[in-house]
Amino acid sequence: MADHPLTIGFARRGFSRSGGAESYLKRLAAGVVSAGHKVRLFTSADWPEGDWPFGEITRLAAESPREFADELERHRPRSVCDVLMSLERVWRCDVYRAGDGVHAAWLQRRSPGQGAVKTLLRRINPKHPALVRLDESLFWQRGARRV
């Protein structure tokens, strides 16, 4: 048991039963709990109750990645957690697992070979600038203390 138990908050939007990030997160949470700490999950509505037996769940009303980041920010997770680890692009956290890479680099790799229509649709889709802005906050504006 830990001498000074911490509360570790985890942020993960969405749920996939076969998802690697979900499996990783559940193994990590089990280890944190077995080490004597508490965990809390900040997630969207689709995470099944039975797939998080480790601690509290805070469900955020958010559909898009940007809405999730905004809603997490409004919940002020650091007021109830000692450490916040995010597996999602958010505005700020203590630890960020960059499992999806850098969105701007992904966009650059996708552009060559794509037709003009697909490239145009990608440019006007509000999702892409939102993801780039979240990456900028985490990586370049030091919103993530550790990556």
N, C-alpha and C. Protein backbone atom coordinates (compact mmCIF):
# COMPACT_ATOMS: atom_id res chain seq x y z
N MET A 1 0.85 -1.19 0.00
CA MET A 1 0.00 0.00 0.00
C MET A 1 0.89 1.24 0.00
N ALA A 2 0.50 2.23 -0.75
CA ALA A 2 1.27 3.46 -0.85
C ALA A 2 1.19 4.24 0.46
N ASP A 3 2.32 4.86 0.84
CA ASP A 3 2.34 5.67 2.06
C ASP A 3 1.42 6.87 1.94
N HIS A 4 1.43 7.50 0.79
CA HIS A 4 0.59 8.68 0.53
C HIS A 4 -0.19 8.41 -0.75
N PRO A 5 -1.34 7.77 -0.63
CA PRO A 5 -2.08 7.41 -1.84
C PRO A 5 -2.44 8.65 -2.66
N LEU A 6 -2.31 8.51 -3.95
CA LEU A 6 -2.67 9.56 -4.89
C LEU A 6 -3.98 9.20 -5.57
N THR A 7 -4.64 10.19 -6.11
CA THR A 7 -5.76 9.95 -7.01
C THR A 7 -5.28 10.30 -8.40
N ILE A 8 -5.28 9.29 -9.27
CA ILE A 8 -4.84 9.46 -10.65
C ILE A 8 -6.07 9.52 -11.53
N GLY A 9 -6.20 10.61 -12.27
CA GLY A 9 -7.30 10.74 -13.21
C GLY A 9 -6.84 10.33 -14.59
N PHE A 10 -7.67 9.61 -15.30
CA PHE A 10 -7.39 9.19 -16.67
C PHE A 10 -8.47 9.76 -17.58
N ALA A 11 -8.08 10.30 -18.72
CA ALA A 11 -9.03 10.83 -19.69
C ALA A 11 -8.99 9.96 -20.95
N ARG A 12 -10.16 9.47 -21.36
CA ARG A 12 -10.28 8.67 -22.58
C ARG A 12 -11.67 8.87 -23.16
N ARG A 13 -11.72 9.45 -24.36
CA ARG A 13 -12.99 9.67 -25.05
C ARG A 13 -13.32 8.44 -25.88
N GLY A 14 -14.55 8.01 -25.81
CA GLY A 14 -14.97 6.87 -26.62
C GLY A 14 -14.58 5.54 -26.00
N PHE A 15 -15.06 4.49 -26.62
CA PHE A 15 -14.76 3.14 -26.14
C PHE A 15 -14.85 2.17 -27.30
N SER A 16 -13.89 1.28 -27.38
CA SER A 16 -13.91 0.17 -28.33
C SER A 16 -13.51 -1.08 -27.57
N ARG A 17 -14.34 -2.09 -27.63
CA ARG A 17 -14.05 -3.32 -26.89
C ARG A 17 -12.72 -3.93 -27.34
N SER A 18 -12.35 -3.73 -28.59
CA SER A 18 -11.09 -4.28 -29.10
C SER A 18 -9.97 -3.24 -29.13
N GLY A 19 -10.22 -2.07 -28.54
CA GLY A 19 -9.25 -0.98 -28.60
C GLY A 19 -7.99 -1.23 -27.77
N GLY A 20 -6.85 -0.97 -28.38
CA GLY A 20 -5.58 -1.11 -27.68
C GLY A 20 -5.41 -0.11 -26.56
N ALA A 21 -5.86 1.12 -26.77
CA ALA A 21 -5.74 2.15 -25.73
C ALA A 21 -6.60 1.78 -24.52
N GLU A 22 -7.79 1.25 -24.77
CA GLU A 22 -8.66 0.85 -23.66
C GLU A 22 -8.03 -0.30 -22.87
N SER A 23 -7.46 -1.26 -23.57
CA SER A 23 -6.79 -2.38 -22.88
C SER A 23 -5.61 -1.89 -22.06
N TYR A 24 -4.81 -1.02 -22.66
CA TYR A 24 -3.67 -0.43 -21.95
C TYR A 24 -4.14 0.31 -20.70
N LEU A 25 -5.18 1.12 -20.85
CA LEU A 25 -5.68 1.93 -19.74
C LEU A 25 -6.20 1.05 -18.61
N LYS A 26 -6.91 0.00 -18.94
CA LYS A 26 -7.43 -0.89 -17.89
C LYS A 26 -6.30 -1.62 -17.16
N ARG A 27 -5.27 -2.05 -17.89
CA ARG A 27 -4.11 -2.68 -17.22
C ARG A 27 -3.39 -1.68 -16.32
N LEU A 28 -3.22 -0.46 -16.82
CA LEU A 28 -2.55 0.58 -16.03
C LEU A 28 -3.35 0.90 -14.77
N ALA A 29 -4.66 1.07 -14.92
CA ALA A 29 -5.51 1.37 -13.75
C ALA A 29 -5.45 0.25 -12.72
N ALA A 30 -5.48 -0.99 -13.18
CA ALA A 30 -5.39 -2.12 -12.24
C ALA A 30 -4.08 -2.07 -11.47
N GLY A 31 -2.99 -1.75 -12.15
CA GLY A 31 -1.69 -1.65 -11.49
C GLY A 31 -1.63 -0.50 -10.49
N VAL A 32 -2.21 0.63 -10.87
CA VAL A 32 -2.23 1.80 -9.98
C VAL A 32 -3.03 1.49 -8.72
N VAL A 33 -4.18 0.85 -8.89
CA VAL A 33 -5.02 0.48 -7.74
C VAL A 33 -4.30 -0.55 -6.87
N SER A 34 -3.64 -1.53 -7.49
CA SER A 34 -2.94 -2.54 -6.69
C SER A 34 -1.75 -1.95 -5.94
N ALA A 35 -1.24 -0.81 -6.41
CA ALA A 35 -0.15 -0.14 -5.71
C ALA A 35 -0.68 0.75 -4.58
N GLY A 36 -2.01 0.78 -4.39
CA GLY A 36 -2.59 1.50 -3.26
C GLY A 36 -3.10 2.89 -3.58
N HIS A 37 -3.23 3.23 -4.84
CA HIS A 37 -3.72 4.55 -5.22
C HIS A 37 -5.15 4.45 -5.71
N LYS A 38 -5.79 5.60 -5.86
CA LYS A 38 -7.16 5.66 -6.38
C LYS A 38 -7.10 6.13 -7.82
N VAL A 39 -8.09 5.71 -8.59
CA VAL A 39 -8.18 6.16 -9.99
C VAL A 39 -9.57 6.69 -10.26
N ARG A 40 -9.62 7.54 -11.26
CA ARG A 40 -10.89 8.13 -11.70
C ARG A 40 -10.82 8.26 -13.21
N LEU A 41 -11.90 7.89 -13.88
CA LEU A 41 -11.95 7.95 -15.33
C LEU A 41 -12.84 9.10 -15.78
N PHE A 42 -12.32 9.95 -16.65
CA PHE A 42 -13.07 10.99 -17.32
C PHE A 42 -13.28 10.50 -18.75
N THR A 43 -14.54 10.27 -19.12
CA THR A 43 -14.80 9.65 -20.40
C THR A 43 -16.12 10.15 -20.98
N SER A 44 -16.43 9.64 -22.15
CA SER A 44 -17.70 9.96 -22.79
C SER A 44 -18.76 8.94 -22.36
N ALA A 45 -19.97 9.15 -22.82
CA ALA A 45 -21.10 8.34 -22.38
C ALA A 45 -21.01 6.88 -22.81
N ASP A 46 -20.21 6.57 -23.82
CA ASP A 46 -20.21 5.21 -24.36
C ASP A 46 -19.31 4.22 -23.64
N TRP A 47 -18.57 4.65 -22.61
CA TRP A 47 -17.73 3.70 -21.86
C TRP A 47 -18.65 2.87 -20.96
N PRO A 48 -18.69 1.53 -21.12
CA PRO A 48 -19.58 0.69 -20.32
C PRO A 48 -19.17 0.68 -18.84
N GLU A 49 -20.16 0.77 -18.00
CA GLU A 49 -19.93 0.79 -16.54
C GLU A 49 -19.10 -0.40 -16.09
N GLY A 50 -19.41 -1.60 -16.62
CA GLY A 50 -18.73 -2.81 -16.20
C GLY A 50 -17.28 -2.91 -16.67
N ASP A 51 -16.87 -2.04 -17.56
CA ASP A 51 -15.49 -2.07 -18.05
C ASP A 51 -14.59 -1.10 -17.28
N TRP A 52 -15.04 -0.61 -16.15
CA TRP A 52 -14.21 0.24 -15.30
C TRP A 52 -14.52 -0.05 -13.83
N PRO A 53 -14.03 -1.19 -13.31
CA PRO A 53 -14.30 -1.55 -11.92
C PRO A 53 -13.31 -0.92 -10.94
N PHE A 54 -12.51 0.02 -11.40
CA PHE A 54 -11.38 0.51 -10.61
C PHE A 54 -11.68 1.72 -9.73
N GLY A 55 -12.68 2.50 -10.09
CA GLY A 55 -12.97 3.71 -9.33
C GLY A 55 -14.08 4.50 -9.99
N GLU A 56 -14.15 5.77 -9.64
CA GLU A 56 -15.22 6.62 -10.14
C GLU A 56 -15.10 6.88 -11.64
N ILE A 57 -16.27 7.09 -12.24
CA ILE A 57 -16.34 7.49 -13.65
C ILE A 57 -17.05 8.83 -13.72
N THR A 58 -16.43 9.78 -14.40
CA THR A 58 -17.08 11.05 -14.70
C THR A 58 -17.34 11.06 -16.19
N ARG A 59 -18.62 11.08 -16.55
CA ARG A 59 -19.00 11.06 -17.96
C ARG A 59 -19.18 12.49 -18.46
N LEU A 60 -18.48 12.78 -19.55
CA LEU A 60 -18.54 14.12 -20.13
C LEU A 60 -19.48 14.11 -21.32
N ALA A 61 -20.31 15.12 -21.41
CA ALA A 61 -21.25 15.24 -22.53
C ALA A 61 -20.51 15.89 -23.69
N ALA A 62 -19.91 15.06 -24.53
CA ALA A 62 -19.12 15.58 -25.64
C ALA A 62 -19.11 14.57 -26.77
N GLU A 63 -19.26 15.06 -27.98
CA GLU A 63 -19.22 14.21 -29.16
C GLU A 63 -17.85 14.27 -29.84
N SER A 64 -17.36 15.46 -30.06
CA SER A 64 -16.12 15.64 -30.82
C SER A 64 -14.91 15.72 -29.89
N PRO A 65 -13.72 15.55 -30.44
CA PRO A 65 -12.50 15.71 -29.63
C PRO A 65 -12.41 17.09 -28.97
N ARG A 66 -12.76 18.14 -29.71
CA ARG A 66 -12.70 19.50 -29.15
C ARG A 66 -13.71 19.66 -28.02
N GLU A 67 -14.93 19.15 -28.21
CA GLU A 67 -15.94 19.23 -27.15
C GLU A 67 -15.48 18.48 -25.90
N PHE A 68 -14.84 17.32 -26.10
CA PHE A 68 -14.34 16.55 -24.97
C PHE A 68 -13.29 17.35 -24.21
N ALA A 69 -12.35 17.95 -24.93
CA ALA A 69 -11.30 18.75 -24.30
C ALA A 69 -11.90 19.94 -23.54
N ASP A 70 -12.87 20.61 -24.16
CA ASP A 70 -13.51 21.76 -23.51
C ASP A 70 -14.26 21.33 -22.25
N GLU A 71 -15.00 20.22 -22.35
CA GLU A 71 -15.78 19.74 -21.22
C GLU A 71 -14.87 19.27 -20.08
N LEU A 72 -13.79 18.61 -20.41
CA LEU A 72 -12.83 18.19 -19.38
C LEU A 72 -12.27 19.42 -18.67
N GLU A 73 -11.95 20.44 -19.43
CA GLU A 73 -11.42 21.67 -18.84
C GLU A 73 -12.43 22.28 -17.86
N ARG A 74 -13.71 22.27 -18.22
CA ARG A 74 -14.76 22.83 -17.35
C ARG A 74 -14.90 22.02 -16.06
N HIS A 75 -14.62 20.72 -16.12
CA HIS A 75 -14.74 19.87 -14.93
C HIS A 75 -13.57 20.05 -13.96
N ARG A 76 -12.52 20.71 -14.39
CA ARG A 76 -11.35 20.96 -13.55
C ARG A 76 -10.89 19.67 -12.84
N PRO A 77 -10.41 18.70 -13.59
CA PRO A 77 -10.04 17.41 -12.99
C PRO A 77 -8.94 17.51 -11.94
N ARG A 78 -8.09 18.52 -12.05
CA ARG A 78 -7.02 18.64 -11.05
C ARG A 78 -7.57 19.01 -9.68
N SER A 79 -8.82 19.44 -9.59
CA SER A 79 -9.41 19.73 -8.27
C SER A 79 -9.78 18.44 -7.53
N VAL A 80 -9.88 17.32 -8.26
CA VAL A 80 -10.22 16.04 -7.62
C VAL A 80 -9.16 14.97 -7.84
N CYS A 81 -8.11 15.30 -8.59
CA CYS A 81 -7.04 14.34 -8.89
C CYS A 81 -5.68 14.98 -8.61
N ASP A 82 -4.76 14.17 -8.16
CA ASP A 82 -3.38 14.64 -7.97
C ASP A 82 -2.63 14.70 -9.29
N VAL A 83 -2.96 13.77 -10.17
CA VAL A 83 -2.30 13.66 -11.47
C VAL A 83 -3.38 13.37 -12.51
N LEU A 84 -3.28 14.02 -13.67
CA LEU A 84 -4.18 13.72 -14.78
C LEU A 84 -3.36 13.19 -15.94
N MET A 85 -3.68 11.96 -16.35
CA MET A 85 -3.05 11.36 -17.52
C MET A 85 -4.10 11.25 -18.60
N SER A 86 -3.80 11.78 -19.77
CA SER A 86 -4.77 11.74 -20.86
C SER A 86 -4.30 10.85 -22.01
N LEU A 87 -5.23 10.08 -22.52
CA LEU A 87 -5.00 9.30 -23.73
C LEU A 87 -5.71 9.99 -24.90
N GLU A 88 -6.13 11.22 -24.67
CA GLU A 88 -6.84 12.03 -25.66
C GLU A 88 -6.17 13.38 -25.78
N ARG A 89 -6.37 14.00 -26.92
CA ARG A 89 -5.93 15.39 -27.07
C ARG A 89 -6.84 16.25 -26.20
N VAL A 90 -6.25 16.92 -25.24
CA VAL A 90 -6.95 17.82 -24.34
C VAL A 90 -6.13 19.10 -24.24
N TRP A 91 -6.65 20.10 -23.54
CA TRP A 91 -5.92 21.37 -23.45
C TRP A 91 -4.70 21.27 -22.55
N ARG A 92 -4.84 20.53 -21.45
CA ARG A 92 -3.69 20.40 -20.53
C ARG A 92 -3.85 19.15 -19.68
N CYS A 93 -2.71 18.57 -19.33
CA CYS A 93 -2.69 17.40 -18.46
C CYS A 93 -1.27 17.24 -17.93
N ASP A 94 -1.11 16.37 -16.97
CA ASP A 94 0.23 16.12 -16.43
C ASP A 94 1.02 15.17 -17.32
N VAL A 95 0.33 14.14 -17.83
CA VAL A 95 0.97 13.14 -18.68
C VAL A 95 0.05 12.91 -19.88
N TYR A 96 0.65 12.93 -21.07
CA TYR A 96 -0.12 12.69 -22.29
C TYR A 96 0.47 11.50 -23.03
N ARG A 97 -0.35 10.50 -23.29
CA ARG A 97 0.05 9.35 -24.11
C ARG A 97 -0.36 9.69 -25.54
N ALA A 98 0.61 10.00 -26.36
CA ALA A 98 0.37 10.46 -27.73
C ALA A 98 0.18 9.28 -28.67
N GLY A 99 -0.81 8.48 -28.42
CA GLY A 99 -1.04 7.28 -29.21
C GLY A 99 -1.47 7.54 -30.64
N ASP A 100 -2.02 8.72 -30.89
CA ASP A 100 -2.49 9.04 -32.24
C ASP A 100 -1.51 9.91 -33.01
N GLY A 101 -0.35 10.16 -32.47
CA GLY A 101 0.65 10.96 -33.18
C GLY A 101 0.29 12.43 -33.24
N VAL A 102 0.88 13.13 -34.20
CA VAL A 102 0.66 14.57 -34.39
C VAL A 102 -0.24 14.73 -35.61
N HIS A 103 -1.37 15.38 -35.43
CA HIS A 103 -2.37 15.44 -36.49
C HIS A 103 -1.89 16.21 -37.72
N ALA A 104 -1.13 17.26 -37.55
CA ALA A 104 -0.62 18.03 -38.70
C ALA A 104 0.25 17.14 -39.59
N ALA A 105 1.05 16.29 -38.99
CA ALA A 105 1.89 15.36 -39.77
C ALA A 105 1.02 14.35 -40.51
N TRP A 106 -0.03 13.88 -39.86
CA TRP A 106 -0.95 12.95 -40.51
C TRP A 106 -1.60 13.61 -41.72
N LEU A 107 -2.01 14.86 -41.56
CA LEU A 107 -2.63 15.59 -42.67
C LEU A 107 -1.66 15.74 -43.84
N GLN A 108 -0.40 16.03 -43.55
CA GLN A 108 0.60 16.17 -44.61
C GLN A 108 0.81 14.85 -45.34
N ARG A 109 0.84 13.76 -44.62
CA ARG A 109 1.01 12.44 -45.25
C ARG A 109 -0.19 12.06 -46.10
N ARG A 110 -1.38 12.51 -45.72
CA ARG A 110 -2.60 12.16 -46.44
C ARG A 110 -2.75 12.96 -47.74
N SER A 111 -2.25 14.18 -47.80
CA SER A 111 -2.49 15.06 -48.94
C SER A 111 -1.95 14.53 -50.26
N PRO A 112 -0.68 14.12 -50.36
CA PRO A 112 -0.21 13.61 -51.65
C PRO A 112 -0.98 12.34 -52.04
N GLY A 113 -1.38 12.27 -53.27
CA GLY A 113 -2.10 11.09 -53.72
C GLY A 113 -3.60 11.17 -53.53
N GLN A 114 -4.06 12.13 -52.74
CA GLN A 114 -5.49 12.32 -52.57
C GLN A 114 -5.97 13.22 -53.69
N GLY A 115 -7.16 13.04 -54.11
CA GLY A 115 -7.73 13.90 -55.13
C GLY A 115 -8.01 15.29 -54.59
N ALA A 116 -8.22 16.21 -55.49
CA ALA A 116 -8.47 17.61 -55.12
C ALA A 116 -9.73 17.75 -54.26
N VAL A 117 -10.75 16.97 -54.55
CA VAL A 117 -12.00 17.06 -53.79
C VAL A 117 -11.79 16.61 -52.35
N LYS A 118 -11.11 15.47 -52.17
CA LYS A 118 -10.85 14.98 -50.80
C LYS A 118 -9.98 15.96 -50.03
N THR A 119 -8.97 16.52 -50.68
CA THR A 119 -8.11 17.49 -50.02
C THR A 119 -8.92 18.71 -49.60
N LEU A 120 -9.79 19.21 -50.48
CA LEU A 120 -10.63 20.36 -50.16
C LEU A 120 -11.57 20.04 -49.00
N LEU A 121 -12.21 18.88 -49.03
CA LEU A 121 -13.12 18.51 -47.95
C LEU A 121 -12.40 18.41 -46.61
N ARG A 122 -11.19 17.88 -46.64
CA ARG A 122 -10.40 17.79 -45.41
C ARG A 122 -10.07 19.18 -44.88
N ARG A 123 -9.77 20.11 -45.77
CA ARG A 123 -9.41 21.47 -45.35
C ARG A 123 -10.59 22.22 -44.74
N ILE A 124 -11.80 21.95 -45.21
CA ILE A 124 -12.95 22.69 -44.67
C ILE A 124 -13.64 21.96 -43.51
N ASN A 125 -13.23 20.75 -43.22
CA ASN A 125 -13.78 20.00 -42.10
C ASN A 125 -13.25 20.61 -40.80
N PRO A 126 -14.12 21.12 -39.92
CA PRO A 126 -13.66 21.79 -38.69
C PRO A 126 -12.92 20.86 -37.72
N LYS A 127 -13.09 19.56 -37.88
CA LYS A 127 -12.41 18.61 -36.99
C LYS A 127 -10.89 18.74 -37.08
N HIS A 128 -10.37 18.91 -38.29
CA HIS A 128 -8.92 18.90 -38.47
C HIS A 128 -8.22 20.11 -37.83
N PRO A 129 -8.68 21.34 -38.04
CA PRO A 129 -8.03 22.45 -37.34
C PRO A 129 -8.17 22.35 -35.81
N ALA A 130 -9.28 21.76 -35.35
CA ALA A 130 -9.45 21.60 -33.90
C ALA A 130 -8.41 20.64 -33.34
N LEU A 131 -8.17 19.51 -34.05
CA LEU A 131 -7.15 18.56 -33.59
C LEU A 131 -5.75 19.16 -33.64
N VAL A 132 -5.46 19.92 -34.68
CA VAL A 132 -4.15 20.59 -34.78
C VAL A 132 -3.98 21.56 -33.62
N ARG A 133 -5.03 22.31 -33.28
CA ARG A 133 -4.96 23.28 -32.18
C ARG A 133 -4.74 22.56 -30.84
N LEU A 134 -5.40 21.43 -30.63
CA LEU A 134 -5.18 20.67 -29.40
C LEU A 134 -3.74 20.15 -29.33
N ASP A 135 -3.21 19.65 -30.45
CA ASP A 135 -1.81 19.23 -30.48
C ASP A 135 -0.88 20.38 -30.13
N GLU A 136 -1.14 21.54 -30.70
CA GLU A 136 -0.30 22.71 -30.40
C GLU A 136 -0.32 23.02 -28.91
N SER A 137 -1.50 22.93 -28.31
CA SER A 137 -1.61 23.20 -26.88
C SER A 137 -0.79 22.21 -26.06
N LEU A 138 -0.86 20.93 -26.42
CA LEU A 138 -0.15 19.90 -25.66
C LEU A 138 1.35 19.92 -25.89
N PHE A 139 1.76 19.99 -27.14
CA PHE A 139 3.18 19.84 -27.47
C PHE A 139 3.97 21.14 -27.42
N TRP A 140 3.45 22.17 -28.05
CA TRP A 140 4.25 23.38 -28.22
C TRP A 140 3.98 24.44 -27.18
N GLN A 141 2.81 24.40 -26.57
CA GLN A 141 2.52 25.37 -25.51
C GLN A 141 2.64 24.74 -24.13
N ARG A 142 3.20 23.55 -24.11
CA ARG A 142 3.49 22.82 -22.87
C ARG A 142 2.25 22.53 -22.01
N GLY A 143 1.11 22.29 -22.68
CA GLY A 143 -0.09 21.90 -21.95
C GLY A 143 0.07 20.54 -21.30
N ALA A 144 0.92 19.72 -21.87
CA ALA A 144 1.26 18.42 -21.26
C ALA A 144 2.61 18.58 -20.58
N ARG A 145 2.65 18.27 -19.29
CA ARG A 145 3.93 18.38 -18.58
C ARG A 145 4.90 17.29 -19.02
N ARG A 146 4.35 16.11 -19.37
CA ARG A 146 5.17 14.99 -19.85
C ARG A 146 4.42 14.31 -21.00
N VAL A 147 5.15 13.88 -22.00
CA VAL A 147 4.55 13.15 -23.12
C VAL A 147 5.18 11.77 -23.16
